[in-house]
Amino acid sequence: MLLDEPTANLDTGTAADVTAAIRRLARGRTMIMAAHRPELIALADRQIRLSPAAVPA
């Protein structure tokens, strides 16, 4: 699964529903996700954090 800010611009309730769906769908699969919300980041087994200095201009 490749997800780019899957809950961006969603209200809290809808974001919670999407997060629950991602949790179910991701089981047994590889997931690559760009996210800022802590509840989405918490789904990851491994995190890679990028800082502005780490991304070439």
N, C-alpha and C. Protein backbone atom coordinates (compact mmCIF):
# COMPACT_ATOMS: atom_id res chain seq x y z
N MET A 1 0.85 -1.16 0.00
CA MET A 1 0.00 0.00 0.00
C MET A 1 0.89 1.22 0.00
N LEU A 2 0.54 2.21 -0.79
CA LEU A 2 1.25 3.48 -0.83
C LEU A 2 0.24 4.58 -0.51
N LEU A 3 0.46 5.27 0.61
CA LEU A 3 -0.49 6.27 1.09
C LEU A 3 0.23 7.59 1.32
N ASP A 4 -0.33 8.67 0.80
CA ASP A 4 0.24 10.00 0.98
C ASP A 4 -0.77 10.86 1.72
N GLU A 5 -0.52 11.07 3.01
CA GLU A 5 -1.42 11.86 3.86
C GLU A 5 -2.88 11.43 3.69
N PRO A 6 -3.19 10.17 3.99
CA PRO A 6 -4.54 9.66 3.73
C PRO A 6 -5.65 10.32 4.53
N THR A 7 -5.32 11.01 5.61
CA THR A 7 -6.38 11.66 6.39
C THR A 7 -6.31 13.19 6.32
N ALA A 8 -5.50 13.70 5.40
CA ALA A 8 -5.40 15.16 5.27
C ALA A 8 -6.76 15.75 4.92
N ASN A 9 -7.07 16.84 5.55
CA ASN A 9 -8.31 17.60 5.30
C ASN A 9 -9.58 16.85 5.67
N LEU A 10 -9.48 15.81 6.49
CA LEU A 10 -10.67 15.10 6.96
C LEU A 10 -11.02 15.54 8.36
N ASP A 11 -12.31 15.52 8.69
CA ASP A 11 -12.70 15.82 10.05
C ASP A 11 -12.27 14.66 10.95
N THR A 12 -12.30 14.88 12.24
CA THR A 12 -11.79 13.91 13.21
C THR A 12 -12.47 12.55 13.10
N GLY A 13 -13.77 12.54 12.97
CA GLY A 13 -14.51 11.27 12.90
C GLY A 13 -14.19 10.48 11.65
N THR A 14 -14.15 11.18 10.51
CA THR A 14 -13.83 10.51 9.26
C THR A 14 -12.39 10.02 9.26
N ALA A 15 -11.48 10.82 9.82
CA ALA A 15 -10.07 10.42 9.92
C ALA A 15 -9.94 9.15 10.76
N ALA A 16 -10.71 9.04 11.83
CA ALA A 16 -10.68 7.85 12.67
C ALA A 16 -11.18 6.63 11.90
N ASP A 17 -12.21 6.81 11.08
CA ASP A 17 -12.72 5.71 10.25
C ASP A 17 -11.68 5.27 9.23
N VAL A 18 -11.03 6.22 8.59
CA VAL A 18 -9.99 5.91 7.60
C VAL A 18 -8.81 5.21 8.27
N THR A 19 -8.42 5.68 9.45
CA THR A 19 -7.32 5.05 10.19
C THR A 19 -7.66 3.61 10.53
N ALA A 20 -8.87 3.34 10.96
CA ALA A 20 -9.30 1.97 11.26
C ALA A 20 -9.26 1.10 10.01
N ALA A 21 -9.69 1.65 8.87
CA ALA A 21 -9.66 0.90 7.62
C ALA A 21 -8.23 0.60 7.20
N ILE A 22 -7.34 1.57 7.35
CA ILE A 22 -5.93 1.36 7.02
C ILE A 22 -5.36 0.25 7.90
N ARG A 23 -5.68 0.29 9.18
CA ARG A 23 -5.19 -0.74 10.11
C ARG A 23 -5.61 -2.13 9.63
N ARG A 24 -6.87 -2.28 9.22
CA ARG A 24 -7.36 -3.58 8.74
C ARG A 24 -6.69 -3.98 7.42
N LEU A 25 -6.63 -3.06 6.48
CA LEU A 25 -6.09 -3.36 5.15
C LEU A 25 -4.59 -3.61 5.15
N ALA A 26 -3.87 -3.01 6.09
CA ALA A 26 -2.41 -3.11 6.12
C ALA A 26 -1.92 -4.43 6.71
N ARG A 27 -2.78 -5.15 7.42
CA ARG A 27 -2.36 -6.40 8.05
C ARG A 27 -1.78 -7.36 7.01
N GLY A 28 -0.53 -7.78 7.24
CA GLY A 28 0.10 -8.73 6.35
C GLY A 28 0.62 -8.13 5.05
N ARG A 29 0.60 -6.81 4.95
CA ARG A 29 1.04 -6.14 3.74
C ARG A 29 2.14 -5.13 4.07
N THR A 30 2.88 -4.78 3.05
CA THR A 30 3.85 -3.70 3.18
C THR A 30 3.13 -2.39 2.92
N MET A 31 3.37 -1.41 3.77
CA MET A 31 2.72 -0.12 3.63
C MET A 31 3.79 0.96 3.67
N ILE A 32 3.75 1.85 2.72
CA ILE A 32 4.60 3.04 2.73
C ILE A 32 3.64 4.23 2.83
N MET A 33 3.85 5.05 3.86
CA MET A 33 2.90 6.14 4.10
C MET A 33 3.63 7.41 4.52
N ALA A 34 3.24 8.50 3.94
CA ALA A 34 3.67 9.82 4.40
C ALA A 34 2.55 10.34 5.30
N ALA A 35 2.88 10.70 6.53
CA ALA A 35 1.85 11.12 7.47
C ALA A 35 2.42 12.08 8.51
N HIS A 36 1.53 12.91 9.05
CA HIS A 36 1.87 13.80 10.15
C HIS A 36 1.09 13.45 11.41
N ARG A 37 -0.07 12.84 11.24
CA ARG A 37 -0.92 12.54 12.40
C ARG A 37 -0.33 11.40 13.23
N PRO A 38 -0.18 11.63 14.53
CA PRO A 38 0.41 10.60 15.41
C PRO A 38 -0.31 9.26 15.36
N GLU A 39 -1.62 9.26 15.22
CA GLU A 39 -2.36 8.00 15.21
C GLU A 39 -2.05 7.17 13.96
N LEU A 40 -1.70 7.82 12.87
CA LEU A 40 -1.28 7.09 11.67
C LEU A 40 0.16 6.60 11.81
N ILE A 41 1.01 7.46 12.32
CA ILE A 41 2.42 7.09 12.51
C ILE A 41 2.52 5.88 13.45
N ALA A 42 1.63 5.82 14.43
CA ALA A 42 1.65 4.73 15.40
C ALA A 42 1.34 3.37 14.76
N LEU A 43 0.76 3.35 13.58
CA LEU A 43 0.47 2.10 12.90
C LEU A 43 1.73 1.43 12.34
N ALA A 44 2.79 2.20 12.20
CA ALA A 44 4.00 1.70 11.55
C ALA A 44 4.84 0.82 12.46
N ASP A 45 5.41 -0.22 11.88
CA ASP A 45 6.40 -1.04 12.59
C ASP A 45 7.75 -0.34 12.57
N ARG A 46 7.99 0.42 11.52
CA ARG A 46 9.26 1.13 11.37
C ARG A 46 8.97 2.51 10.80
N GLN A 47 9.68 3.51 11.30
CA GLN A 47 9.50 4.89 10.85
C GLN A 47 10.80 5.44 10.32
N ILE A 48 10.68 6.22 9.25
CA ILE A 48 11.81 6.96 8.72
C ILE A 48 11.40 8.42 8.72
N ARG A 49 12.10 9.20 9.50
CA ARG A 49 11.76 10.63 9.61
C ARG A 49 12.71 11.44 8.75
N LEU A 50 12.15 12.34 7.98
CA LEU A 50 12.95 13.22 7.13
C LEU A 50 12.96 14.61 7.72
N SER A 51 14.13 15.20 7.73
CA SER A 51 14.26 16.60 8.14
C SER A 51 14.58 17.41 6.89
N PRO A 52 14.33 18.71 6.91
CA PRO A 52 14.63 19.53 5.73
C PRO A 52 16.08 19.37 5.25
N ALA A 53 17.01 19.17 6.16
CA ALA A 53 18.41 19.01 5.78
C ALA A 53 18.66 17.68 5.07
N ALA A 54 17.80 16.69 5.29
CA ALA A 54 17.99 15.37 4.71
C ALA A 54 17.48 15.28 3.27
N VAL A 55 16.69 16.26 2.85
CA VAL A 55 16.11 16.24 1.51
C VAL A 55 16.88 17.22 0.62
N PRO A 56 17.51 16.73 -0.45
CA PRO A 56 18.27 17.65 -1.31
C PRO A 56 17.34 18.65 -2.00
N ALA A 57 17.84 19.85 -2.17
CA ALA A 57 17.04 20.90 -2.81
C ALA A 57 17.02 20.73 -4.30
